[in-house]
Amino acid sequence: MHDKLALLTDLYSFVLDNTESFEEEHIGADLAYLMGAILKGENCLWPKSRPILRVLEEGLDRASVALAMQHIHIDCVERCDCRGCRPELYV
């Protein structure tokens, strides 16, 4: 658990350092869902256009980002991913 906490701390710091604001493009909310998925051993299903993915791609050499990417499934079908249309993304 200590290793996972260290990786999550690093992931948080990396995303924070590489964005202007967690409020922009819902990056903070996505990071919260992603960190929850990592802790629970679950996955996030996101389209490849998801803004947080652009941020994570910059740090693929980091262990924390590599861990995060293991918990992200890319949805190849672009569609609306709001809570109303895709509630399964917000579980």
N, C-alpha and C. Protein backbone atom coordinates (compact mmCIF):
# COMPACT_ATOMS: atom_id res chain seq x y z
N MET A 1 0.82 -1.20 0.00
CA MET A 1 0.00 0.00 0.00
C MET A 1 0.87 1.26 0.00
N HIS A 2 1.99 1.21 0.70
CA HIS A 2 2.89 2.37 0.75
C HIS A 2 3.39 2.73 -0.64
N ASP A 3 3.75 1.72 -1.45
CA ASP A 3 4.22 1.97 -2.81
C ASP A 3 3.11 2.62 -3.65
N LYS A 4 1.89 2.13 -3.50
CA LYS A 4 0.78 2.69 -4.27
C LYS A 4 0.53 4.14 -3.85
N LEU A 5 0.62 4.42 -2.58
CA LEU A 5 0.44 5.79 -2.09
C LEU A 5 1.51 6.71 -2.66
N ALA A 6 2.75 6.24 -2.70
CA ALA A 6 3.83 7.05 -3.27
C ALA A 6 3.60 7.29 -4.76
N LEU A 7 3.13 6.27 -5.47
CA LEU A 7 2.85 6.43 -6.90
C LEU A 7 1.69 7.39 -7.13
N LEU A 8 0.65 7.29 -6.31
CA LEU A 8 -0.48 8.21 -6.44
C LEU A 8 -0.08 9.65 -6.12
N THR A 9 0.77 9.82 -5.14
CA THR A 9 1.28 11.15 -4.80
C THR A 9 2.07 11.73 -5.97
N ASP A 10 2.91 10.90 -6.57
CA ASP A 10 3.69 11.34 -7.73
C ASP A 10 2.78 11.66 -8.91
N LEU A 11 1.76 10.83 -9.14
CA LEU A 11 0.81 11.06 -10.23
C LEU A 11 0.11 12.40 -10.04
N TYR A 12 -0.37 12.65 -8.83
CA TYR A 12 -1.03 13.92 -8.52
C TYR A 12 -0.11 15.10 -8.81
N SER A 13 1.12 15.01 -8.33
CA SER A 13 2.08 16.10 -8.53
C SER A 13 2.39 16.31 -10.00
N PHE A 14 2.55 15.22 -10.73
CA PHE A 14 2.85 15.32 -12.16
C PHE A 14 1.72 16.01 -12.92
N VAL A 15 0.49 15.59 -12.67
CA VAL A 15 -0.64 16.20 -13.37
C VAL A 15 -0.78 17.67 -12.96
N LEU A 16 -0.64 17.96 -11.69
CA LEU A 16 -0.72 19.35 -11.22
C LEU A 16 0.34 20.22 -11.88
N ASP A 17 1.56 19.71 -11.97
CA ASP A 17 2.67 20.47 -12.56
C ASP A 17 2.51 20.67 -14.06
N ASN A 18 1.70 19.84 -14.70
CA ASN A 18 1.58 19.90 -16.16
C ASN A 18 0.23 20.41 -16.65
N THR A 19 -0.52 21.06 -15.76
CA THR A 19 -1.78 21.68 -16.14
C THR A 19 -1.82 23.08 -15.54
N GLU A 20 -2.60 23.93 -16.15
CA GLU A 20 -2.76 25.27 -15.60
C GLU A 20 -3.74 25.29 -14.45
N SER A 21 -4.74 24.40 -14.55
CA SER A 21 -5.77 24.35 -13.51
C SER A 21 -6.48 23.01 -13.56
N PHE A 22 -6.81 22.47 -12.41
CA PHE A 22 -7.59 21.23 -12.37
C PHE A 22 -9.01 21.46 -12.87
N GLU A 23 -9.44 22.71 -12.87
CA GLU A 23 -10.80 23.03 -13.31
C GLU A 23 -10.94 23.00 -14.82
N GLU A 24 -9.86 23.27 -15.53
CA GLU A 24 -9.93 23.29 -16.99
C GLU A 24 -10.13 21.89 -17.54
N GLU A 25 -11.06 21.76 -18.44
CA GLU A 25 -11.33 20.51 -19.16
C GLU A 25 -11.57 19.32 -18.23
N HIS A 26 -12.02 19.60 -17.00
CA HIS A 26 -12.38 18.56 -16.03
C HIS A 26 -11.20 17.65 -15.66
N ILE A 27 -10.00 18.16 -15.78
CA ILE A 27 -8.82 17.34 -15.48
C ILE A 27 -8.80 16.93 -14.01
N GLY A 28 -9.18 17.81 -13.12
CA GLY A 28 -9.21 17.46 -11.70
C GLY A 28 -10.20 16.35 -11.40
N ALA A 29 -11.38 16.44 -11.99
CA ALA A 29 -12.40 15.39 -11.79
C ALA A 29 -11.91 14.07 -12.39
N ASP A 30 -11.32 14.14 -13.57
CA ASP A 30 -10.81 12.91 -14.18
C ASP A 30 -9.70 12.29 -13.34
N LEU A 31 -8.84 13.13 -12.80
CA LEU A 31 -7.76 12.62 -11.95
C LEU A 31 -8.34 11.94 -10.71
N ALA A 32 -9.38 12.53 -10.13
CA ALA A 32 -10.03 11.92 -8.96
C ALA A 32 -10.62 10.55 -9.32
N TYR A 33 -11.31 10.47 -10.45
CA TYR A 33 -11.87 9.18 -10.88
C TYR A 33 -10.76 8.17 -11.14
N LEU A 34 -9.69 8.63 -11.77
CA LEU A 34 -8.58 7.73 -12.09
C LEU A 34 -7.90 7.23 -10.82
N MET A 35 -7.66 8.11 -9.87
CA MET A 35 -7.01 7.69 -8.63
C MET A 35 -7.90 6.72 -7.86
N GLY A 36 -9.21 6.96 -7.88
CA GLY A 36 -10.14 6.03 -7.26
C GLY A 36 -10.11 4.67 -7.93
N ALA A 37 -10.04 4.67 -9.26
CA ALA A 37 -9.98 3.40 -10.00
C ALA A 37 -8.71 2.65 -9.65
N ILE A 38 -7.59 3.35 -9.54
CA ILE A 38 -6.34 2.70 -9.17
C ILE A 38 -6.45 2.08 -7.78
N LEU A 39 -6.97 2.83 -6.83
CA LEU A 39 -7.11 2.32 -5.46
C LEU A 39 -8.03 1.11 -5.37
N LYS A 40 -9.09 1.10 -6.19
CA LYS A 40 -10.07 0.02 -6.13
C LYS A 40 -9.78 -1.11 -7.11
N GLY A 41 -8.72 -0.98 -7.91
CA GLY A 41 -8.39 -2.00 -8.89
C GLY A 41 -9.37 -2.03 -10.05
N GLU A 42 -9.92 -0.87 -10.39
CA GLU A 42 -10.88 -0.77 -11.48
C GLU A 42 -10.29 0.04 -12.62
N ASN A 43 -11.11 0.37 -13.61
CA ASN A 43 -10.63 1.09 -14.79
C ASN A 43 -11.56 2.24 -15.14
N CYS A 44 -10.99 3.20 -15.87
CA CYS A 44 -11.77 4.29 -16.46
C CYS A 44 -11.85 4.02 -17.96
N LEU A 45 -13.01 4.23 -18.53
CA LEU A 45 -13.21 4.08 -19.97
C LEU A 45 -13.40 5.48 -20.54
N TRP A 46 -12.39 5.94 -21.29
CA TRP A 46 -12.41 7.29 -21.82
C TRP A 46 -12.09 7.29 -23.30
N PRO A 47 -12.64 8.27 -24.03
CA PRO A 47 -12.25 8.42 -25.44
C PRO A 47 -10.81 8.93 -25.52
N LYS A 48 -10.15 8.64 -26.63
CA LYS A 48 -8.75 9.05 -26.76
C LYS A 48 -8.57 10.57 -26.78
N SER A 49 -9.66 11.30 -26.97
CA SER A 49 -9.59 12.76 -26.98
C SER A 49 -9.67 13.37 -25.58
N ARG A 50 -9.78 12.56 -24.55
CA ARG A 50 -9.92 13.06 -23.18
C ARG A 50 -8.70 13.90 -22.81
N PRO A 51 -8.89 15.13 -22.36
CA PRO A 51 -7.76 16.04 -22.07
C PRO A 51 -6.72 15.47 -21.10
N ILE A 52 -7.14 14.73 -20.10
CA ILE A 52 -6.16 14.20 -19.15
C ILE A 52 -5.19 13.24 -19.83
N LEU A 53 -5.62 12.59 -20.90
CA LEU A 53 -4.72 11.68 -21.61
C LEU A 53 -3.57 12.43 -22.26
N ARG A 54 -3.84 13.65 -22.75
CA ARG A 54 -2.76 14.46 -23.32
C ARG A 54 -1.70 14.76 -22.26
N VAL A 55 -2.16 15.04 -21.05
CA VAL A 55 -1.23 15.33 -19.96
C VAL A 55 -0.42 14.08 -19.62
N LEU A 56 -1.10 12.96 -19.48
CA LEU A 56 -0.42 11.72 -19.09
C LEU A 56 0.58 11.26 -20.15
N GLU A 57 0.29 11.49 -21.41
CA GLU A 57 1.21 11.08 -22.48
C GLU A 57 2.58 11.73 -22.34
N GLU A 58 2.64 12.88 -21.69
CA GLU A 58 3.92 13.57 -21.49
C GLU A 58 4.80 12.89 -20.44
N GLY A 59 4.22 11.99 -19.65
CA GLY A 59 4.99 11.37 -18.58
C GLY A 59 5.02 9.86 -18.62
N LEU A 60 4.94 9.30 -19.82
CA LEU A 60 4.88 7.84 -19.93
C LEU A 60 6.11 7.13 -19.38
N ASP A 61 7.21 7.86 -19.19
CA ASP A 61 8.42 7.26 -18.63
C ASP A 61 8.37 7.18 -17.10
N ARG A 62 7.36 7.75 -16.49
CA ARG A 62 7.21 7.74 -15.03
C ARG A 62 6.43 6.50 -14.59
N ALA A 63 6.84 5.90 -13.50
CA ALA A 63 6.14 4.72 -12.98
C ALA A 63 4.70 5.03 -12.61
N SER A 64 4.47 6.22 -12.08
CA SER A 64 3.11 6.58 -11.67
C SER A 64 2.18 6.71 -12.87
N VAL A 65 2.68 7.28 -13.96
CA VAL A 65 1.86 7.42 -15.16
C VAL A 65 1.65 6.06 -15.82
N ALA A 66 2.69 5.23 -15.81
CA ALA A 66 2.54 3.88 -16.36
C ALA A 66 1.46 3.11 -15.59
N LEU A 67 1.45 3.25 -14.27
CA LEU A 67 0.41 2.62 -13.46
C LEU A 67 -0.96 3.17 -13.84
N ALA A 68 -1.05 4.48 -13.98
CA ALA A 68 -2.33 5.10 -14.33
C ALA A 68 -2.83 4.58 -15.67
N MET A 69 -1.96 4.47 -16.64
CA MET A 69 -2.36 4.02 -17.97
C MET A 69 -2.87 2.58 -17.96
N GLN A 70 -2.42 1.79 -17.01
CA GLN A 70 -2.93 0.42 -16.89
C GLN A 70 -4.39 0.41 -16.45
N HIS A 71 -4.86 1.50 -15.89
CA HIS A 71 -6.23 1.60 -15.40
C HIS A 71 -7.12 2.44 -16.31
N ILE A 72 -6.64 2.71 -17.50
CA ILE A 72 -7.41 3.47 -18.48
C ILE A 72 -7.65 2.59 -19.70
N HIS A 73 -8.90 2.45 -20.06
CA HIS A 73 -9.27 1.77 -21.30
C HIS A 73 -9.73 2.85 -22.26
N ILE A 74 -9.18 2.82 -23.47
CA ILE A 74 -9.54 3.80 -24.47
C ILE A 74 -10.76 3.31 -25.24
N ASP A 75 -11.79 4.14 -25.24
CA ASP A 75 -13.02 3.85 -25.98
C ASP A 75 -12.81 4.36 -27.40
N CYS A 76 -12.80 3.46 -28.36
CA CYS A 76 -12.52 3.83 -29.74
C CYS A 76 -13.69 4.52 -30.42
N VAL A 77 -14.86 4.46 -29.82
CA VAL A 77 -16.04 5.10 -30.39
C VAL A 77 -16.22 6.44 -29.70
N GLU A 78 -16.05 7.52 -30.44
CA GLU A 78 -16.25 8.85 -29.87
C GLU A 78 -17.74 9.08 -29.66
N ARG A 79 -18.14 9.43 -28.47
CA ARG A 79 -19.53 9.73 -28.15
C ARG A 79 -19.57 10.64 -26.94
N CYS A 80 -20.71 11.12 -26.67
CA CYS A 80 -20.88 11.99 -25.51
C CYS A 80 -20.53 11.20 -24.25
N ASP A 81 -19.78 11.82 -23.33
CA ASP A 81 -19.42 11.13 -22.09
C ASP A 81 -19.87 11.93 -20.86
N CYS A 82 -20.97 12.64 -21.02
CA CYS A 82 -21.50 13.36 -19.86
C CYS A 82 -22.21 12.38 -18.92
N ARG A 83 -22.47 12.81 -17.74
CA ARG A 83 -23.13 11.94 -16.75
C ARG A 83 -24.47 11.42 -17.24
N GLY A 84 -25.21 12.24 -17.97
CA GLY A 84 -26.53 11.84 -18.44
C GLY A 84 -26.48 10.73 -19.48
N CYS A 85 -25.52 10.83 -20.38
CA CYS A 85 -25.43 9.85 -21.48
C CYS A 85 -24.63 8.61 -21.09
N ARG A 86 -23.61 8.78 -20.27
CA ARG A 86 -22.71 7.68 -19.95
C ARG A 86 -22.49 7.58 -18.45
N PRO A 87 -23.52 7.24 -17.67
CA PRO A 87 -23.34 7.20 -16.22
C PRO A 87 -22.32 6.18 -15.76
N GLU A 88 -22.04 5.17 -16.57
CA GLU A 88 -21.06 4.15 -16.17
C GLU A 88 -19.65 4.72 -16.05
N LEU A 89 -19.39 5.86 -16.66
CA LEU A 89 -18.07 6.48 -16.54
C LEU A 89 -17.88 7.17 -15.20
N TYR A 90 -18.97 7.36 -14.48
CA TYR A 90 -18.92 8.12 -13.22
C TYR A 90 -19.30 7.24 -12.03
N VAL A 91 -18.93 5.99 -12.11
CA VAL A 91 -19.24 5.05 -11.02
C VAL A 91 -18.12 5.04 -10.03
